[in-house]
């Protein structure tokens, strides 16, 4: 089974075609909105996986609200993994989603193993009201 090395939500991953190096721009661990309900922007869940001899990887990302309710589910495209590859990056585009209230939201990272979805990580996203501006 592939093992998740890391997962990071960001606005823009930039992959250099010549070197295969990646820059993650606007990494998001929290967001602030002046009023609720609000809407999150397009995000990308960038992940790195350590491969354990599989020929492919099926992954999905779920978003849970502060009460534990599922808000969003996005399936990634199936990733074919050539035999000589030991690590694979998957970038999953997350569409804008409603944010009804402030609180701790969580991304659930899941992979399919033998036909069953297994959660391998929860990534927090803190949503808050910005502090008042004082003069």
N, C-alpha and C. Protein backbone atom coordinates (compact mmCIF):
# COMPACT_ATOMS: atom_id res chain seq x y z
N UNK A 1 0.85 -1.18 0.00
CA UNK A 1 0.00 0.00 0.00
C UNK A 1 0.89 1.24 0.00
N UNK A 2 0.53 2.21 -0.82
CA UNK A 2 1.27 3.47 -0.84
C UNK A 2 1.10 4.18 0.49
N UNK A 3 2.14 4.91 0.88
CA UNK A 3 2.11 5.67 2.13
C UNK A 3 2.19 7.15 1.83
N UNK A 4 1.30 7.91 2.47
CA UNK A 4 1.31 9.36 2.30
C UNK A 4 2.52 9.94 3.02
N UNK A 5 3.36 10.67 2.28
CA UNK A 5 4.52 11.34 2.87
C UNK A 5 4.09 12.69 3.42
N UNK A 6 3.37 13.47 2.61
CA UNK A 6 2.81 14.74 3.06
C UNK A 6 1.66 15.17 2.16
N UNK A 7 0.85 16.07 2.70
CA UNK A 7 -0.25 16.69 1.95
C UNK A 7 -0.31 18.14 2.36
N UNK A 8 -0.47 19.02 1.38
CA UNK A 8 -0.48 20.44 1.67
C UNK A 8 -1.47 21.16 0.75
N UNK A 9 -2.43 21.88 1.33
CA UNK A 9 -3.35 22.65 0.49
C UNK A 9 -2.71 23.98 0.08
N UNK A 10 -2.86 24.32 -1.18
CA UNK A 10 -2.30 25.57 -1.68
C UNK A 10 -3.19 26.10 -2.80
N UNK A 11 -2.89 27.31 -3.24
CA UNK A 11 -3.64 27.90 -4.34
C UNK A 11 -3.03 27.51 -5.68
N UNK A 12 -1.70 27.45 -5.74
CA UNK A 12 -1.04 27.27 -7.04
C UNK A 12 0.22 26.42 -6.94
N UNK A 13 0.19 25.19 -7.42
CA UNK A 13 1.44 24.44 -7.55
C UNK A 13 2.05 24.74 -8.93
N UNK A 14 3.33 25.02 -8.95
CA UNK A 14 4.02 25.30 -10.21
C UNK A 14 5.06 24.21 -10.42
N UNK A 15 4.89 23.42 -11.49
CA UNK A 15 5.80 22.32 -11.80
C UNK A 15 6.69 22.74 -12.96
N UNK A 16 8.00 22.73 -12.73
CA UNK A 16 8.96 23.05 -13.78
C UNK A 16 9.11 21.82 -14.67
N UNK A 17 8.78 21.96 -15.95
CA UNK A 17 8.81 20.82 -16.88
C UNK A 17 10.22 20.28 -17.09
N UNK A 18 11.22 21.14 -17.04
CA UNK A 18 12.60 20.71 -17.29
C UNK A 18 13.22 19.94 -16.13
N UNK A 19 12.95 20.37 -14.91
CA UNK A 19 13.58 19.75 -13.74
C UNK A 19 12.64 18.90 -12.90
N UNK A 20 11.33 19.02 -13.14
CA UNK A 20 10.29 18.35 -12.36
C UNK A 20 10.25 18.85 -10.91
N UNK A 21 10.85 20.00 -10.66
CA UNK A 21 10.79 20.62 -9.34
C UNK A 21 9.46 21.35 -9.21
N UNK A 22 8.94 21.41 -7.97
CA UNK A 22 7.64 22.03 -7.73
C UNK A 22 7.78 23.16 -6.73
N UNK A 23 7.05 24.24 -7.00
CA UNK A 23 6.92 25.34 -6.06
C UNK A 23 5.45 25.41 -5.67
N UNK A 24 5.17 25.41 -4.37
CA UNK A 24 3.80 25.51 -3.89
C UNK A 24 3.58 26.94 -3.42
N UNK A 25 2.68 27.66 -4.12
CA UNK A 25 2.43 29.07 -3.87
C UNK A 25 1.12 29.22 -3.09
N UNK A 26 1.14 30.14 -2.13
CA UNK A 26 -0.04 30.42 -1.31
C UNK A 26 -0.54 29.17 -0.59
N UNK A 27 0.33 28.60 0.23
CA UNK A 27 -0.03 27.46 1.06
C UNK A 27 -1.05 27.93 2.09
N UNK A 28 -2.07 27.11 2.32
CA UNK A 28 -3.17 27.54 3.18
C UNK A 28 -3.30 26.60 4.37
N UNK A 29 -3.13 27.15 5.57
CA UNK A 29 -3.44 26.37 6.77
C UNK A 29 -4.58 27.02 7.55
N UNK A 30 -4.93 28.25 7.15
CA UNK A 30 -6.08 28.92 7.75
C UNK A 30 -6.59 29.98 6.77
N UNK A 31 -7.84 30.36 6.97
CA UNK A 31 -8.46 31.41 6.17
C UNK A 31 -9.30 32.27 7.11
N UNK A 32 -9.44 33.53 6.75
CA UNK A 32 -10.29 34.44 7.53
C UNK A 32 -11.27 35.12 6.59
N UNK A 33 -12.51 35.23 7.05
CA UNK A 33 -13.57 35.88 6.28
C UNK A 33 -14.27 36.87 7.20
N UNK A 34 -14.62 38.05 6.69
CA UNK A 34 -15.26 39.05 7.54
C UNK A 34 -16.71 38.71 7.91
N UNK A 35 -17.35 37.83 7.09
CA UNK A 35 -18.75 37.48 7.36
C UNK A 35 -19.01 36.05 6.89
N UNK A 36 -20.03 35.44 7.49
CA UNK A 36 -20.41 34.08 7.13
C UNK A 36 -21.89 34.05 6.81
N UNK A 37 -22.34 33.22 5.87
CA UNK A 37 -21.56 32.21 5.16
C UNK A 37 -20.58 32.85 4.19
N UNK A 38 -19.53 32.08 3.87
CA UNK A 38 -18.48 32.53 2.95
C UNK A 38 -18.23 31.42 1.93
N UNK A 39 -17.36 31.70 0.99
CA UNK A 39 -17.00 30.71 -0.03
C UNK A 39 -15.49 30.64 -0.13
N UNK A 40 -14.96 29.43 -0.04
CA UNK A 40 -13.51 29.23 -0.19
C UNK A 40 -13.14 29.32 -1.67
N UNK A 41 -11.90 29.71 -1.97
CA UNK A 41 -11.46 29.76 -3.37
C UNK A 41 -11.11 28.36 -3.88
N UNK A 42 -10.81 28.27 -5.19
CA UNK A 42 -10.24 27.04 -5.72
C UNK A 42 -8.97 26.75 -4.95
N UNK A 43 -8.78 25.51 -4.55
CA UNK A 43 -7.56 25.08 -3.86
C UNK A 43 -7.02 23.84 -4.57
N UNK A 44 -5.77 23.54 -4.31
CA UNK A 44 -5.17 22.30 -4.79
C UNK A 44 -4.63 21.57 -3.58
N UNK A 45 -5.03 20.30 -3.41
CA UNK A 45 -4.44 19.48 -2.37
C UNK A 45 -3.26 18.76 -3.03
N UNK A 46 -2.06 19.18 -2.66
CA UNK A 46 -0.84 18.60 -3.22
C UNK A 46 -0.36 17.49 -2.28
N UNK A 47 -0.11 16.31 -2.85
CA UNK A 47 0.31 15.18 -2.03
C UNK A 47 1.54 14.51 -2.62
N UNK A 48 2.30 13.88 -1.74
CA UNK A 48 3.45 13.07 -2.15
C UNK A 48 3.28 11.70 -1.52
N UNK A 49 3.40 10.65 -2.33
CA UNK A 49 3.19 9.27 -1.89
C UNK A 49 4.46 8.45 -2.08
N UNK A 50 4.77 7.60 -1.11
CA UNK A 50 5.84 6.62 -1.21
C UNK A 50 5.19 5.34 -1.74
N UNK A 51 5.63 4.88 -2.89
CA UNK A 51 5.02 3.72 -3.52
C UNK A 51 5.67 2.43 -3.02
N UNK A 52 4.85 1.42 -2.85
CA UNK A 52 5.31 0.14 -2.31
C UNK A 52 5.10 -0.97 -3.34
N UNK A 53 5.40 -0.71 -4.60
CA UNK A 53 5.28 -1.74 -5.63
C UNK A 53 3.94 -1.81 -6.32
N UNK A 54 3.02 -0.90 -6.04
CA UNK A 54 1.73 -0.89 -6.72
C UNK A 54 1.89 -0.42 -8.16
N UNK A 55 0.92 -0.80 -8.99
CA UNK A 55 0.94 -0.33 -10.37
C UNK A 55 0.04 0.89 -10.56
N UNK A 56 -0.73 1.23 -9.52
CA UNK A 56 -1.62 2.37 -9.62
C UNK A 56 -2.07 2.86 -8.26
N UNK A 57 -2.64 4.06 -8.24
CA UNK A 57 -3.09 4.66 -6.98
C UNK A 57 -4.39 5.41 -7.23
N UNK A 58 -5.41 5.10 -6.43
CA UNK A 58 -6.68 5.82 -6.45
C UNK A 58 -6.77 6.60 -5.15
N UNK A 59 -7.01 7.90 -5.27
CA UNK A 59 -7.04 8.78 -4.10
C UNK A 59 -8.25 9.69 -4.20
N UNK A 60 -8.74 10.12 -3.05
CA UNK A 60 -9.78 11.14 -3.03
C UNK A 60 -9.58 12.01 -1.79
N UNK A 61 -10.18 13.21 -1.86
CA UNK A 61 -10.09 14.16 -0.76
C UNK A 61 -11.52 14.51 -0.35
N UNK A 62 -11.79 14.42 0.94
CA UNK A 62 -13.07 14.82 1.48
C UNK A 62 -12.84 16.02 2.38
N UNK A 63 -13.83 16.89 2.46
CA UNK A 63 -13.75 18.04 3.37
C UNK A 63 -14.86 17.90 4.38
N UNK A 64 -14.49 18.03 5.65
CA UNK A 64 -15.45 17.93 6.75
C UNK A 64 -15.56 19.27 7.45
N UNK A 65 -16.78 19.62 7.85
CA UNK A 65 -17.04 20.85 8.58
C UNK A 65 -16.72 20.70 10.06
N UNK A 66 -16.83 21.78 10.82
CA UNK A 66 -16.52 21.76 12.26
C UNK A 66 -17.35 20.75 13.05
N UNK A 67 -18.53 20.41 12.57
CA UNK A 67 -19.39 19.43 13.25
C UNK A 67 -19.14 18.01 12.76
N UNK A 68 -18.19 17.84 11.83
CA UNK A 68 -17.89 16.51 11.31
C UNK A 68 -18.67 16.11 10.07
N UNK A 69 -19.55 17.01 9.60
CA UNK A 69 -20.34 16.73 8.41
C UNK A 69 -19.50 16.85 7.14
N UNK A 70 -19.73 15.97 6.17
CA UNK A 70 -19.00 16.01 4.91
C UNK A 70 -19.55 17.14 4.04
N UNK A 71 -18.67 18.02 3.59
CA UNK A 71 -19.04 19.16 2.76
C UNK A 71 -18.74 18.91 1.29
N UNK A 72 -17.66 18.17 1.03
CA UNK A 72 -17.17 18.04 -0.34
C UNK A 72 -16.42 16.72 -0.48
N UNK A 73 -16.49 16.12 -1.67
CA UNK A 73 -15.70 14.93 -1.98
C UNK A 73 -15.20 15.06 -3.41
N UNK A 74 -13.88 14.94 -3.60
CA UNK A 74 -13.28 15.05 -4.92
C UNK A 74 -12.39 13.84 -5.16
N UNK A 75 -12.72 13.07 -6.20
CA UNK A 75 -11.90 11.92 -6.58
C UNK A 75 -10.79 12.39 -7.52
N UNK A 76 -9.58 11.94 -7.26
CA UNK A 76 -8.46 12.22 -8.16
C UNK A 76 -8.52 11.25 -9.32
N UNK A 77 -7.90 11.62 -10.43
CA UNK A 77 -7.76 10.68 -11.54
C UNK A 77 -6.87 9.53 -11.08
N UNK A 78 -7.15 8.33 -11.61
CA UNK A 78 -6.32 7.17 -11.29
C UNK A 78 -4.89 7.45 -11.74
N UNK A 79 -3.92 7.20 -10.88
CA UNK A 79 -2.50 7.43 -11.21
C UNK A 79 -1.85 6.09 -11.52
N UNK A 80 -1.35 5.94 -12.72
CA UNK A 80 -0.56 4.76 -13.08
C UNK A 80 0.85 4.96 -12.54
N UNK A 81 1.42 3.93 -11.95
CA UNK A 81 2.75 4.04 -11.35
C UNK A 81 3.68 3.04 -12.04
N UNK A 82 4.60 3.54 -12.88
CA UNK A 82 5.57 2.62 -13.50
C UNK A 82 6.43 1.93 -12.44
N UNK A 83 6.92 0.73 -12.75
CA UNK A 83 7.65 -0.10 -11.78
C UNK A 83 8.88 0.60 -11.21
N UNK A 84 9.56 1.45 -11.98
CA UNK A 84 10.79 2.09 -11.50
C UNK A 84 10.54 3.31 -10.62
N UNK A 85 9.29 3.72 -10.48
CA UNK A 85 8.95 4.91 -9.70
C UNK A 85 8.75 4.54 -8.23
N UNK A 86 9.38 5.31 -7.34
CA UNK A 86 9.27 5.04 -5.90
C UNK A 86 8.40 6.06 -5.17
N UNK A 87 8.22 7.23 -5.77
CA UNK A 87 7.37 8.27 -5.19
C UNK A 87 6.54 8.89 -6.31
N UNK A 88 5.33 9.31 -5.94
CA UNK A 88 4.46 9.94 -6.94
C UNK A 88 3.76 11.13 -6.29
N UNK A 89 3.66 12.22 -7.05
CA UNK A 89 2.92 13.40 -6.60
C UNK A 89 1.54 13.38 -7.24
N UNK A 90 0.54 13.67 -6.44
CA UNK A 90 -0.81 13.85 -6.96
C UNK A 90 -1.31 15.21 -6.50
N UNK A 91 -1.83 15.98 -7.45
CA UNK A 91 -2.42 17.28 -7.16
C UNK A 91 -3.90 17.20 -7.48
N UNK A 92 -4.74 17.42 -6.48
CA UNK A 92 -6.19 17.31 -6.64
C UNK A 92 -6.79 18.72 -6.56
N UNK A 93 -7.47 19.15 -7.62
CA UNK A 93 -8.11 20.46 -7.64
C UNK A 93 -9.40 20.37 -6.84
N UNK A 94 -9.50 21.25 -5.85
CA UNK A 94 -10.69 21.32 -5.00
C UNK A 94 -11.50 22.54 -5.43
N UNK A 95 -12.73 22.34 -5.89
CA UNK A 95 -13.54 23.49 -6.32
C UNK A 95 -13.91 24.37 -5.13
N UNK A 96 -14.34 25.60 -5.40
CA UNK A 96 -14.82 26.45 -4.29
C UNK A 96 -15.91 25.72 -3.52
N UNK A 97 -15.93 25.92 -2.21
CA UNK A 97 -16.92 25.23 -1.38
C UNK A 97 -17.48 26.21 -0.37
N UNK A 98 -18.71 25.96 0.08
CA UNK A 98 -19.35 26.86 1.05
C UNK A 98 -18.73 26.70 2.43
N UNK A 99 -18.59 27.81 3.12
CA UNK A 99 -18.13 27.81 4.50
C UNK A 99 -19.22 28.51 5.32
N UNK A 100 -20.11 27.72 5.92
CA UNK A 100 -21.24 28.33 6.61
C UNK A 100 -20.87 29.03 7.91
N UNK A 101 -19.87 28.50 8.63
CA UNK A 101 -19.50 29.05 9.94
C UNK A 101 -17.99 28.97 10.13
N UNK A 102 -17.42 29.80 11.01
CA UNK A 102 -16.01 29.65 11.33
C UNK A 102 -15.80 28.37 12.15
N UNK A 103 -14.56 27.92 12.20
CA UNK A 103 -14.23 26.73 12.98
C UNK A 103 -13.12 25.93 12.32
N UNK A 104 -12.88 24.73 12.85
CA UNK A 104 -11.85 23.85 12.28
C UNK A 104 -12.50 22.90 11.28
N UNK A 105 -12.09 23.06 10.03
CA UNK A 105 -12.49 22.16 8.96
C UNK A 105 -11.33 21.18 8.78
N UNK A 106 -11.60 20.03 8.18
CA UNK A 106 -10.53 19.05 7.97
C UNK A 106 -10.68 18.40 6.61
N UNK A 107 -9.52 18.26 5.93
CA UNK A 107 -9.46 17.49 4.70
C UNK A 107 -9.14 16.05 5.10
N UNK A 108 -9.93 15.11 4.62
CA UNK A 108 -9.63 13.70 4.80
C UNK A 108 -9.01 13.17 3.52
N UNK A 109 -7.81 12.60 3.62
CA UNK A 109 -7.11 12.03 2.47
C UNK A 109 -7.36 10.52 2.50
N UNK A 110 -7.92 9.98 1.42
CA UNK A 110 -8.23 8.56 1.36
C UNK A 110 -7.61 7.91 0.13
N UNK A 111 -7.27 6.62 0.25
CA UNK A 111 -6.86 5.82 -0.90
C UNK A 111 -7.69 4.54 -0.92
N UNK A 112 -7.82 3.99 -2.13
CA UNK A 112 -8.58 2.75 -2.27
C UNK A 112 -7.61 1.57 -2.24
N UNK A 113 -7.88 0.65 -1.32
CA UNK A 113 -7.08 -0.56 -1.19
C UNK A 113 -8.03 -1.75 -1.25
N UNK A 114 -7.81 -2.61 -2.24
CA UNK A 114 -8.65 -3.81 -2.43
C UNK A 114 -10.14 -3.44 -2.47
N UNK A 115 -10.45 -2.36 -3.18
CA UNK A 115 -11.84 -1.95 -3.36
C UNK A 115 -12.45 -1.16 -2.23
N UNK A 116 -11.71 -0.94 -1.14
CA UNK A 116 -12.25 -0.23 0.01
C UNK A 116 -11.47 1.07 0.24
N UNK A 117 -12.19 2.16 0.53
CA UNK A 117 -11.55 3.44 0.81
C UNK A 117 -11.05 3.47 2.24
N UNK A 118 -9.78 3.86 2.41
CA UNK A 118 -9.16 3.96 3.73
C UNK A 118 -8.62 5.37 3.93
N UNK A 119 -8.97 5.99 5.05
CA UNK A 119 -8.44 7.32 5.35
C UNK A 119 -7.02 7.18 5.88
N UNK A 120 -6.10 7.96 5.31
CA UNK A 120 -4.70 7.89 5.73
C UNK A 120 -4.24 9.16 6.44
N UNK A 121 -5.02 10.25 6.36
CA UNK A 121 -4.63 11.49 7.04
C UNK A 121 -5.81 12.45 7.12
N UNK A 122 -5.72 13.33 8.13
CA UNK A 122 -6.63 14.48 8.25
C UNK A 122 -5.76 15.73 8.30
N UNK A 123 -6.06 16.68 7.44
CA UNK A 123 -5.30 17.92 7.35
C UNK A 123 -6.22 19.05 7.82
N UNK A 124 -5.84 19.78 8.88
CA UNK A 124 -6.72 20.83 9.41
C UNK A 124 -6.71 22.09 8.54
N UNK A 125 -7.85 22.77 8.55
CA UNK A 125 -8.00 24.08 7.91
C UNK A 125 -8.81 24.93 8.89
N UNK A 126 -8.16 25.88 9.53
CA UNK A 126 -8.83 26.75 10.49
C UNK A 126 -9.45 27.93 9.76
N UNK A 127 -10.75 28.13 9.97
CA UNK A 127 -11.48 29.24 9.36
C UNK A 127 -11.96 30.14 10.47
N UNK A 128 -11.63 31.41 10.36
CA UNK A 128 -11.94 32.35 11.45
C UNK A 128 -12.39 33.71 10.95
N UNK A 129 -12.87 34.51 11.86
CA UNK A 129 -13.19 35.91 11.58
C UNK A 129 -11.93 36.70 11.87
N UNK A 130 -11.52 37.61 10.98
CA UNK A 130 -10.30 38.38 11.25
C UNK A 130 -10.46 39.24 12.50
N UNK A 131 -9.37 39.48 13.20
CA UNK A 131 -9.46 40.35 14.39
C UNK A 131 -9.83 41.77 13.95
N UNK A 132 -10.49 42.51 14.84
CA UNK A 132 -10.87 43.88 14.47
C UNK A 132 -9.62 44.75 14.28
N UNK A 133 -9.75 45.69 13.38
CA UNK A 133 -8.67 46.63 13.11
C UNK A 133 -8.75 47.74 14.15
N UNK A 134 -7.66 47.98 14.83
CA UNK A 134 -7.63 49.06 15.82
C UNK A 134 -6.69 50.15 15.35
N UNK A 135 -7.02 51.37 15.73
CA UNK A 135 -6.18 52.50 15.31
C UNK A 135 -5.51 53.11 16.50
